């Protein structure tokens, strides 16, 4: 079996076709495409003249056979996703030779990211998540101490990263200026930490209260100093 290409690279959302062909003529009864998942192989599509086409549910409406010649098989992903990355087996069920297979792989390049946060008693925790192929990186434009990062490398090449940033005196920075920057060799994006109106107003009230308390303390100290001066006189 000869695959069209041993490895295909494609950007997420761009059509891609995987193909295999028998090098010698065989009486092919059925063609099956499988996706490798660790040590197992999961059927994703089958075709035979007797039973016709069968596409497994996770791939329906986004993948189909584009060649129905039994000794030359092709499947096309109309809108490939990053999690489609991996290796695929084209399996020919022939007579009288039995099963004959080939193997081809593809990498679907992409980048997805999100940011969320929690703020309580002037303590801000912001978490930025990124999933990408090639491997993404996460940076913050503001931080008091280095953020904590966790990375997971999946078997299909996709990399997931979580970055946790903590700021203990959130009033000392402008929250609306806090941004998570995510990038890999193909893409980059900026995700601002956007506060809800009620959280902005609560933080504003907190700053006002702190300011008033400081003003009261300063005023009391000034009054005490003034009284001491009068008594001395």
Protein backbone atom coordinates (compact mmCIF):
# COMPACT_ATOMS: atom_id res chain seq x y z
CA UNK A 1 0.00 0.00 0.00
CA UNK A 2 1.33 3.43 -0.95
CA UNK A 3 -0.01 6.49 0.94
CA UNK A 4 -0.32 9.74 -1.01
CA UNK A 5 1.94 11.39 1.57
CA UNK A 6 3.49 10.08 4.76
CA UNK A 7 2.69 13.32 6.58
CA UNK A 8 0.39 16.23 5.75
CA UNK A 9 0.48 19.67 7.39
CA UNK A 10 -2.63 21.85 7.25
CA UNK A 11 -4.04 24.87 9.08
CA UNK A 12 -7.22 24.42 11.08
CA UNK A 13 -10.29 24.89 8.88
CA UNK A 14 -8.51 24.21 5.56
CA UNK A 15 -9.58 21.19 3.53
CA UNK A 16 -7.18 18.24 3.51
CA UNK A 17 -7.29 14.86 1.75
CA UNK A 18 -5.64 11.61 2.84
CA UNK A 19 -5.17 8.90 0.21
CA UNK A 20 -3.86 5.36 -0.15
CA UNK A 21 -3.49 3.08 -3.17
CA UNK A 22 -2.69 -0.60 -3.65
CA UNK A 23 0.52 -1.20 -5.59
CA UNK A 24 -0.76 -4.51 -6.97
CA UNK A 25 -4.20 -5.40 -8.24
CA UNK A 26 -6.36 -7.13 -5.63
CA UNK A 27 -10.03 -8.00 -5.35
CA UNK A 28 -10.99 -5.48 -2.65
CA UNK A 29 -14.15 -6.26 -0.68
CA UNK A 30 -14.09 -3.31 1.73
CA UNK A 31 -11.99 -0.27 2.61
CA UNK A 32 -11.77 0.97 6.21
CA UNK A 33 -10.10 4.10 7.57
CA UNK A 34 -8.98 4.07 11.19
CA UNK A 35 -7.48 6.69 13.47
CA UNK A 36 -4.71 5.64 15.81
CA UNK A 37 -5.36 6.37 19.48
CA UNK A 38 -2.46 5.15 21.57
CA UNK A 39 -2.20 1.42 20.97
CA UNK A 40 -5.76 1.11 19.64
CA UNK A 41 -7.27 1.86 16.23
CA UNK A 42 -10.75 3.39 15.99
CA UNK A 43 -12.84 2.99 12.84
CA UNK A 44 -13.91 6.33 11.39
CA UNK A 45 -15.19 5.35 7.91
CA UNK A 46 -15.87 2.24 5.80
CA UNK A 47 -16.91 1.62 2.21
CA UNK A 48 -17.92 -1.45 0.26
CA UNK A 49 -20.01 -1.99 -2.87
CA UNK A 50 -22.45 -4.15 -0.92
CA UNK A 51 -22.96 -1.98 2.18
CA UNK A 52 -22.07 1.43 0.76
CA UNK A 53 -20.64 4.27 2.88
CA UNK A 54 -20.59 4.45 6.64
CA UNK A 55 -19.09 7.44 8.46
CA UNK A 56 -18.85 7.27 12.25
CA UNK A 57 -20.85 9.90 14.12
CA UNK A 58 -18.00 12.14 15.36
CA UNK A 59 -16.91 12.64 11.72
CA UNK A 60 -20.28 12.99 10.00
CA UNK A 61 -20.88 16.30 8.17
CA UNK A 62 -17.17 17.17 8.20
CA UNK A 63 -15.46 14.22 6.53
CA UNK A 64 -16.31 11.80 3.70
CA UNK A 65 -14.87 9.50 1.05
CA UNK A 66 -13.80 11.43 -2.03
CA UNK A 67 -12.68 8.37 -3.99
CA UNK A 68 -14.91 5.32 -4.22
CA UNK A 69 -12.45 3.25 -6.24
CA UNK A 70 -11.79 0.33 -3.92
CA UNK A 71 -8.08 -0.03 -4.70
CA UNK A 72 -7.49 3.75 -4.49
CA UNK A 73 -9.14 5.28 -1.43
CA UNK A 74 -9.32 8.91 -0.32
CA UNK A 75 -11.02 10.69 2.56
CA UNK A 76 -11.35 14.47 2.81
CA UNK A 77 -11.78 16.57 5.95
CA UNK A 78 -13.79 19.64 4.97
CA UNK A 79 -13.08 21.53 8.19
CA UNK A 80 -10.24 19.81 10.09
CA UNK A 81 -9.72 20.57 13.77
CA UNK A 82 -6.59 20.39 15.87
CA UNK A 83 -7.81 17.21 17.54
CA UNK A 84 -7.89 15.55 14.10
CA UNK A 85 -4.08 15.58 14.23
CA UNK A 86 -2.58 12.12 14.35
CA UNK A 87 -1.97 9.05 12.23
CA UNK A 88 -4.52 7.17 10.14
CA UNK A 89 -4.56 3.63 8.77
CA UNK A 90 -6.13 2.73 5.43
CA UNK A 91 -7.18 -0.92 5.62
CA UNK A 92 -8.02 -2.92 2.48
CA UNK A 93 -9.95 -6.14 3.04
CA UNK A 94 -8.95 -8.18 -0.03
CA UNK A 95 -9.56 -11.64 -1.45
CA UNK A 96 -7.72 -13.93 -1.19
CA UNK A 97 -4.81 -12.05 0.48
CA UNK A 98 -6.78 -10.80 3.49
CA UNK A 99 -6.11 -7.43 5.13
CA UNK A 100 -3.53 -5.05 3.65
CA UNK A 101 -2.88 -1.68 5.25
CA UNK A 102 -1.05 1.62 4.82
CA UNK A 103 -0.40 4.52 7.17
CA UNK A 104 -0.44 8.30 6.78
CA UNK A 105 -0.33 11.13 9.33
CA UNK A 106 -1.37 14.76 9.49
CA UNK A 107 -0.84 17.76 11.75
CA UNK A 108 -3.60 20.36 11.97
CA UNK A 109 -2.04 23.65 13.05
CA UNK A 110 -4.10 25.98 15.21
CA UNK A 111 -4.27 28.02 18.39
CA UNK A 112 -7.08 28.47 20.91
CA UNK A 113 -6.96 30.42 24.16
CA UNK A 114 -9.17 31.75 26.93
CA UNK A 115 -8.71 33.82 30.08
CA UNK A 116 -10.77 34.08 33.25
CA UNK A 117 -10.19 35.50 36.70
CA UNK A 118 -11.43 35.80 40.26
CA UNK A 119 -10.98 38.79 42.55
CA UNK A 120 -11.64 38.74 46.28
CA UNK A 121 -10.53 41.21 48.95
CA UNK A 122 -8.03 42.84 46.61
CA UNK A 123 -6.52 39.44 45.68
CA UNK A 124 -6.65 38.77 41.94
CA UNK A 125 -6.18 35.31 40.41
CA UNK A 126 -6.09 35.26 36.60
CA UNK A 127 -5.84 32.01 34.63
CA UNK A 128 -4.95 31.85 30.94
CA UNK A 129 -5.41 28.58 29.00
CA UNK A 130 -3.91 27.84 25.59
CA UNK A 131 -4.11 24.82 23.29
CA UNK A 132 -2.03 24.78 20.15
CA UNK A 133 0.00 23.08 17.50
CA UNK A 134 2.87 23.95 17.29
CA UNK A 135 3.51 24.43 21.01
CA UNK A 136 2.11 27.74 22.33
CA UNK A 137 3.66 30.13 24.84
CA UNK A 138 1.88 32.36 27.39
CA UNK A 139 3.16 35.67 28.75
CA UNK A 140 1.59 38.42 30.88
CA UNK A 141 2.22 42.12 30.45
CA UNK A 142 2.01 42.74 34.23
CA UNK A 143 3.01 40.56 37.17
CA UNK A 144 4.42 40.88 40.70
CA UNK A 145 5.88 37.37 40.79
CA UNK A 146 6.44 34.82 38.01
CA UNK A 147 3.18 33.05 37.08
CA UNK A 148 2.81 29.32 37.64
CA UNK A 149 2.56 27.24 34.46
CA UNK A 150 1.51 23.68 33.72
CA UNK A 151 2.07 21.97 30.37
CA UNK A 152 0.58 18.79 28.89
CA UNK A 153 1.92 17.29 25.65
CA UNK A 154 -0.64 15.05 23.95
CA UNK A 155 0.26 12.05 21.80
CA UNK A 156 -1.01 13.74 18.61
CA UNK A 157 1.42 16.65 19.08
CA UNK A 158 -1.03 19.16 20.54
CA UNK A 159 0.23 21.04 23.61
CA UNK A 160 -1.99 22.45 26.40
CA UNK A 161 -0.66 25.16 28.74
CA UNK A 162 -2.26 26.76 31.80
CA UNK A 163 -0.74 29.91 33.31
CA UNK A 164 -1.89 31.13 36.74
CA UNK A 165 -1.13 34.71 37.76
CA UNK A 166 -1.69 36.07 41.29
CA UNK A 167 -1.70 39.73 42.32
CA UNK A 168 -2.18 40.43 46.03
CA UNK A 169 -2.81 44.18 45.87
CA UNK A 170 -5.02 44.46 42.82
CA UNK A 171 -5.81 48.11 43.57
CA UNK A 172 -2.17 48.96 42.80
CA UNK A 173 -2.63 48.16 39.11
CA UNK A 174 -5.19 49.02 36.49
CA UNK A 175 -6.98 45.71 35.96
CA UNK A 176 -8.16 46.73 32.51
CA UNK A 177 -4.51 46.89 31.41
CA UNK A 178 -3.79 43.27 32.38
CA UNK A 179 -3.37 41.14 29.25
CA UNK A 180 -2.54 37.50 28.53
CA UNK A 181 -0.47 37.11 25.36
CA UNK A 182 -0.61 33.73 23.59
CA UNK A 183 1.45 32.78 20.55
CA UNK A 184 3.09 30.00 18.58
CA UNK A 185 5.10 30.03 15.35
CA UNK A 186 1.95 30.54 13.23
CA UNK A 187 -0.37 32.77 15.27
CA UNK A 188 -0.55 35.19 18.16
CA UNK A 189 -3.38 36.76 20.14
CA UNK A 190 -3.94 39.06 23.10
CA UNK A 191 -6.63 38.38 25.70
CA UNK A 192 -7.39 41.32 28.02
CA UNK A 193 -8.74 40.65 31.50
CA UNK A 194 -12.08 42.45 31.31
CA UNK A 195 -13.82 43.14 34.60
CA UNK A 196 -17.58 43.13 34.93
CA UNK A 197 -19.26 46.42 35.76
CA UNK A 198 -20.27 45.38 39.26
CA UNK A 199 -16.71 44.20 40.00
CA UNK A 200 -15.29 47.47 38.73
CA UNK A 201 -17.70 49.43 40.89
CA UNK A 202 -16.95 47.26 43.95
CA UNK A 203 -13.22 47.76 43.43
CA UNK A 204 -13.82 51.49 42.98
CA UNK A 205 -15.79 51.62 46.23
CA UNK A 206 -13.02 49.70 47.95
CA UNK A 207 -10.48 52.27 46.76
CA UNK A 208 -12.77 55.11 47.87
CA UNK A 209 -13.22 53.57 51.33
CA UNK A 210 -9.48 53.02 51.70
CA UNK A 211 -8.86 56.60 50.60
CA UNK A 212 -11.42 57.96 53.07
CA UNK A 213 -9.93 55.92 55.93
CA UNK A 214 -6.45 57.22 55.13
CA UNK A 215 -7.78 60.78 55.01
CA UNK A 216 -9.53 60.33 58.39
CA UNK A 217 -6.37 58.91 59.98
CA UNK A 218 -4.30 61.80 58.62
CA UNK A 219 -6.90 64.31 59.84
CA UNK A 220 -6.97 62.77 63.34
CA UNK A 221 -3.17 62.86 63.54
CA UNK A 222 -3.17 66.51 62.45
CA UNK A 223 -5.77 67.35 65.12
CA UNK A 224 -3.73 65.60 67.80
CA UNK A 225 -0.59 67.48 66.77
CA UNK A 226 -2.49 70.78 66.75
CA UNK A 227 -3.87 70.17 70.27
CA UNK A 228 -0.41 69.33 71.60
CA UNK A 229 0.96 72.57 70.22
CA UNK A 230 -1.87 74.57 71.85
CA UNK A 231 -1.26 72.89 75.23
CA UNK A 232 2.46 73.66 75.06
CA UNK A 233 1.72 77.30 74.39
